[in-house]
Amino acid sequence: MANIGIIGSEGRMGRAIAEALHASGHTVAGGIDRDGDVEALAAASDVLIDFSSPAALEGNLDAAVAAGKPILIGTTGLEERHHWLIDHASDTIAVLQTGNTSLGVNMLAYLVEEAAKRLGEDWDIEIVETHHRMKVDAPSGTALLLGEAAARGRQIALADHAVRGRDGITGKREAGTIGFAALRGGSVAGDHTVHFLADNERLAFSHLAENRGIFARGALKGALWLIGQKPGRYGMREVLGL
């Protein structure tokens, strides 16, 4: 049985992960929230799971590196500097970073990449996501994960082709762009649909999350897979063997 440390243990995902760990028989090495002792937690754990905040990421990575422990990062809202920090840490330890730990979502990303690769640029791509009213970032990490999958399929950079929301007189849709729309309300755990739209036909791939338990189970599977891996940066695709 593995000893797993939870960073962000008092958040929605932190609590769901603790429940999944207890149900699976693995040990919770400990949990911290704001101002917790991440160094002590890292030392006591076989692997860390981080669902805290972008502001805490650097300290969490430093603690994981100092302890020589792998870390799964499910925190969303990351910026370019955060990804540089992850790349730097992955030279020393195994780091799994993902915008979504659901196995179903990551299979969806694989299908989206394959569709984008084969359908061609005459199919427009639009990504629509819906989340609960308390979510603070948009587009969601999952929507961005799906956008990156579509961009990989087309061999383009998402940053150069993303359109995040439309308002006013925007002009016609520019060919080759990948659009994002975000809806917020109620208690929705997370719904995502990737639309491929061509003249006279449409194709849609969807994933509907009914509760956070699916993300917790995926995070547990990813964390257990991470134990014993060589230093490097990984994603859920590797966990699924894709």
Protein backbone atom coordinates (compact mmCIF):
# COMPACT_ATOMS: atom_id res chain seq x y z
CA MET A 1 0.00 0.00 0.00
CA ALA A 2 1.27 3.46 -0.88
CA ASN A 3 1.50 6.47 1.42
CA ILE A 4 -0.02 9.39 -0.50
CA GLY A 5 0.20 13.03 0.56
CA ILE A 6 -2.56 15.44 -0.42
CA ILE A 7 -1.77 19.12 -1.00
CA GLY A 8 -4.98 21.16 -0.93
CA SER A 9 -6.67 18.64 1.34
CA GLU A 10 -9.49 20.95 2.45
CA GLY A 11 -10.69 21.74 -1.07
CA ARG A 12 -13.40 19.87 -2.95
CA MET A 13 -10.91 17.72 -4.82
CA GLY A 14 -8.72 17.16 -1.78
CA ARG A 15 -11.64 15.75 0.18
CA ALA A 16 -12.74 13.58 -2.74
CA ILE A 17 -9.21 12.17 -3.11
CA ALA A 18 -9.07 11.35 0.62
CA GLU A 19 -12.35 9.44 0.28
CA ALA A 20 -11.03 7.54 -2.75
CA LEU A 21 -7.84 6.67 -0.87
CA HIS A 22 -9.71 5.32 2.14
CA ALA A 23 -11.98 3.27 -0.13
CA SER A 24 -9.00 1.79 -2.00
CA GLY A 25 -7.07 0.75 1.09
CA HIS A 26 -4.10 3.05 0.45
CA THR A 27 -2.78 5.27 3.24
CA VAL A 28 -3.19 9.01 3.46
CA ALA A 29 0.28 10.10 4.58
CA GLY A 30 -1.20 13.45 5.50
CA GLY A 31 -2.92 16.48 4.08
CA ILE A 32 -2.13 20.17 4.12
CA ASP A 33 -3.88 23.31 3.03
CA ARG A 34 -2.73 26.94 3.20
CA ASP A 35 0.41 27.47 5.32
CA GLY A 36 0.85 23.72 5.87
CA ASP A 37 4.27 22.10 6.15
CA VAL A 38 4.73 20.78 2.64
CA GLU A 39 8.32 19.71 3.31
CA ALA A 40 7.25 17.40 6.15
CA LEU A 41 4.40 16.02 4.04
CA ALA A 42 6.75 15.29 1.14
CA ALA A 43 9.19 13.49 3.44
CA ALA A 44 6.39 11.25 4.81
CA SER A 45 4.86 10.38 1.42
CA ASP A 46 5.63 7.98 -1.41
CA VAL A 47 3.95 10.38 -3.85
CA LEU A 48 2.22 13.76 -3.63
CA ILE A 49 -1.07 14.83 -5.19
CA ASP A 50 -1.42 18.60 -5.58
CA PHE A 51 -4.83 20.24 -6.10
CA SER A 52 -4.01 23.54 -4.37
CA SER A 53 -3.38 26.79 -6.26
CA PRO A 54 -1.01 28.17 -8.89
CA ALA A 55 0.53 30.48 -6.25
CA ALA A 56 1.58 27.46 -4.17
CA LEU A 57 3.02 25.43 -7.04
CA GLU A 58 6.63 26.60 -6.82
CA GLY A 59 6.92 25.73 -3.12
CA ASN A 60 5.23 22.38 -3.65
CA LEU A 61 7.62 21.47 -6.46
CA ASP A 62 10.62 22.58 -4.39
CA ALA A 63 9.51 20.32 -1.53
CA ALA A 64 8.97 17.35 -3.85
CA VAL A 65 12.40 17.83 -5.44
CA ALA A 66 14.12 18.19 -2.04
CA ALA A 67 12.50 14.96 -0.82
CA GLY A 68 13.03 13.15 -4.12
CA LYS A 69 9.30 12.31 -4.35
CA PRO A 70 7.10 12.20 -7.46
CA ILE A 71 4.19 14.61 -7.66
CA LEU A 72 0.90 14.68 -9.57
CA ILE A 73 -0.29 18.22 -10.31
CA GLY A 74 -3.99 18.66 -11.00
CA THR A 75 -4.09 22.37 -10.19
CA THR A 76 -5.65 24.41 -13.01
CA GLY A 77 -5.16 28.03 -14.03
CA LEU A 78 -1.43 27.52 -14.66
CA GLU A 79 0.52 30.05 -16.72
CA GLU A 80 3.68 29.85 -18.80
CA ARG A 81 5.98 30.33 -15.77
CA HIS A 82 4.31 27.47 -13.92
CA HIS A 83 4.96 25.13 -16.83
CA TRP A 84 8.61 26.23 -16.86
CA LEU A 85 8.82 25.33 -13.16
CA ILE A 86 7.30 21.91 -13.87
CA ASP A 87 9.75 21.29 -16.71
CA HIS A 88 12.64 22.26 -14.43
CA ALA A 89 11.47 19.97 -11.60
CA SER A 90 10.96 17.08 -14.02
CA ASP A 91 14.72 17.01 -14.63
CA THR A 92 15.03 15.62 -11.09
CA ILE A 93 11.74 13.88 -10.23
CA ALA A 94 8.76 12.34 -12.00
CA VAL A 95 5.99 14.92 -12.46
CA LEU A 96 2.54 14.17 -13.87
CA GLN A 97 0.69 17.36 -14.81
CA THR A 98 -2.81 17.34 -16.23
CA GLY A 99 -5.78 19.64 -16.56
CA ASN A 100 -8.06 16.70 -15.80
CA THR A 101 -7.47 13.35 -14.09
CA SER A 102 -10.62 11.67 -15.39
CA LEU A 103 -9.77 8.60 -17.45
CA GLY A 104 -12.78 9.31 -19.67
CA VAL A 105 -11.68 12.89 -20.39
CA ASN A 106 -8.19 11.75 -21.32
CA MET A 107 -9.60 9.14 -23.66
CA LEU A 108 -11.73 11.94 -25.13
CA ALA A 109 -8.58 14.02 -25.70
CA TYR A 110 -7.06 11.11 -27.61
CA LEU A 111 -10.14 10.86 -29.83
CA VAL A 112 -10.18 14.62 -30.41
CA GLU A 113 -6.53 14.58 -31.51
CA GLU A 114 -7.19 11.73 -33.92
CA ALA A 115 -10.27 13.47 -35.36
CA ALA A 116 -8.43 16.77 -35.81
CA LYS A 117 -5.57 14.96 -37.55
CA ARG A 118 -7.85 13.22 -40.04
CA LEU A 119 -10.70 15.66 -40.74
CA GLY A 120 -8.64 18.60 -41.97
CA GLU A 121 -8.95 22.37 -41.71
CA ASP A 122 -12.29 22.61 -43.50
CA TRP A 123 -13.79 21.33 -40.22
CA ASP A 124 -14.08 24.12 -37.64
CA ILE A 125 -13.35 23.23 -34.02
CA GLU A 126 -15.26 24.75 -31.08
CA ILE A 127 -14.98 23.69 -27.43
CA VAL A 128 -17.82 24.37 -24.98
CA GLU A 129 -17.45 23.75 -21.23
CA THR A 130 -19.85 24.10 -18.30
CA HIS A 131 -18.89 24.24 -14.61
CA HIS A 132 -20.35 25.13 -11.22
CA ARG A 133 -20.77 28.75 -10.20
CA MET A 134 -17.76 28.65 -7.84
CA LYS A 135 -15.13 27.89 -10.51
CA VAL A 136 -12.71 30.81 -10.80
CA ASP A 137 -10.78 30.11 -14.03
CA ALA A 138 -11.91 29.98 -17.65
CA PRO A 139 -11.46 28.24 -19.98
CA SER A 140 -11.22 25.25 -17.72
CA GLY A 141 -8.04 23.20 -17.55
CA THR A 142 -9.94 20.41 -19.25
CA ALA A 143 -11.06 22.65 -22.11
CA LEU A 144 -7.45 23.70 -22.63
CA LEU A 145 -6.34 20.07 -22.50
CA LEU A 146 -8.84 19.29 -25.27
CA GLY A 147 -7.74 22.35 -27.23
CA GLU A 148 -4.12 21.21 -27.00
CA ALA A 149 -5.18 17.78 -28.25
CA ALA A 150 -6.91 19.34 -31.27
CA ALA A 151 -3.89 21.55 -31.95
CA ARG A 152 -1.54 18.57 -31.81
CA GLY A 153 -3.72 16.77 -34.31
CA ARG A 154 -3.38 19.72 -36.68
CA GLN A 155 0.30 20.26 -35.86
CA ILE A 156 -0.25 23.88 -34.79
CA ALA A 157 0.35 25.84 -31.59
CA LEU A 158 -2.84 26.39 -29.62
CA ALA A 159 -1.59 29.77 -28.34
CA ASP A 160 -1.48 31.06 -31.93
CA HIS A 161 -4.93 29.78 -32.93
CA ALA A 162 -7.15 29.95 -29.83
CA VAL A 163 -10.18 32.26 -29.73
CA ARG A 164 -11.45 32.70 -26.17
CA GLY A 165 -14.97 34.05 -26.26
CA ARG A 166 -16.64 36.36 -28.75
CA ASP A 167 -18.40 39.64 -28.17
CA GLY A 168 -19.61 42.43 -30.42
CA ILE A 169 -18.88 42.63 -34.15
CA THR A 170 -16.12 40.04 -34.40
CA GLY A 171 -16.15 39.49 -38.15
CA LYS A 172 -16.31 36.09 -39.76
CA ARG A 173 -14.69 33.08 -38.20
CA GLU A 174 -11.02 32.81 -39.13
CA ALA A 175 -10.14 29.46 -40.70
CA GLY A 176 -7.98 27.17 -38.60
CA THR A 177 -8.87 28.71 -35.23
CA ILE A 178 -9.98 26.72 -32.18
CA GLY A 179 -12.79 28.43 -30.27
CA PHE A 180 -13.61 28.26 -26.56
CA ALA A 181 -16.84 29.10 -24.74
CA ALA A 182 -17.36 28.84 -20.97
CA LEU A 183 -20.67 28.50 -19.10
CA ARG A 184 -20.92 28.85 -15.30
CA GLY A 185 -23.79 28.01 -12.98
CA GLY A 186 -25.36 25.62 -10.53
CA SER A 187 -23.38 22.67 -9.21
CA VAL A 188 -22.15 21.17 -12.49
CA ALA A 189 -19.01 19.11 -11.83
CA GLY A 190 -17.82 19.54 -15.42
CA ASP A 191 -19.28 19.05 -18.91
CA HIS A 192 -17.16 19.34 -22.06
CA THR A 193 -18.07 19.05 -25.72
CA VAL A 194 -15.73 19.40 -28.69
CA HIS A 195 -17.61 20.29 -31.86
CA PHE A 196 -16.24 19.60 -35.33
CA LEU A 197 -18.34 21.56 -37.82
CA ALA A 198 -18.17 21.33 -41.61
CA ASP A 199 -20.55 22.28 -44.40
CA ASN A 200 -23.72 20.22 -44.00
CA GLU A 201 -22.44 17.96 -41.20
CA ARG A 202 -21.31 18.12 -37.58
CA LEU A 203 -19.50 15.78 -35.24
CA ALA A 204 -19.42 16.18 -31.46
CA PHE A 205 -17.42 14.42 -28.74
CA SER A 206 -18.70 14.90 -25.18
CA HIS A 207 -17.81 13.99 -21.63
CA LEU A 208 -20.19 14.64 -18.73
CA ALA A 209 -18.88 14.46 -15.16
CA GLU A 210 -21.57 13.55 -12.63
CA ASN A 211 -19.43 14.03 -9.52
CA ARG A 212 -15.82 14.65 -8.49
CA GLY A 213 -15.31 11.01 -7.61
CA ILE A 214 -14.22 10.30 -11.20
CA PHE A 215 -11.39 12.85 -10.92
CA ALA A 216 -10.33 11.47 -7.54
CA ARG A 217 -10.19 7.90 -8.86
CA GLY A 218 -8.17 9.04 -11.86
CA ALA A 219 -5.80 11.04 -9.65
CA LEU A 220 -5.24 7.96 -7.48
CA LYS A 221 -4.53 5.79 -10.52
CA GLY A 222 -2.12 8.41 -11.88
CA ALA A 223 -0.31 8.83 -8.56
CA LEU A 224 0.16 5.09 -8.12
CA TRP A 225 1.48 4.82 -11.69
CA LEU A 226 3.92 7.65 -10.99
CA ILE A 227 5.67 5.80 -8.15
CA GLY A 228 8.88 4.32 -9.48
CA GLN A 229 8.87 6.24 -12.77
CA LYS A 230 12.09 7.86 -13.97
CA PRO A 231 12.43 11.66 -13.74
CA GLY A 232 10.44 13.33 -16.49
CA ARG A 233 7.22 15.11 -17.28
CA TYR A 234 4.23 12.86 -17.83
CA GLY A 235 0.52 13.12 -18.56
CA MET A 236 -2.53 10.90 -18.22
CA ARG A 237 -1.94 9.55 -21.73
CA GLU A 238 0.99 7.58 -20.37
CA VAL A 239 -1.15 6.28 -17.51
CA LEU A 240 -3.67 5.00 -20.08
CA GLY A 241 -0.92 3.61 -22.30
CA LEU A 242 -1.92 5.83 -25.26
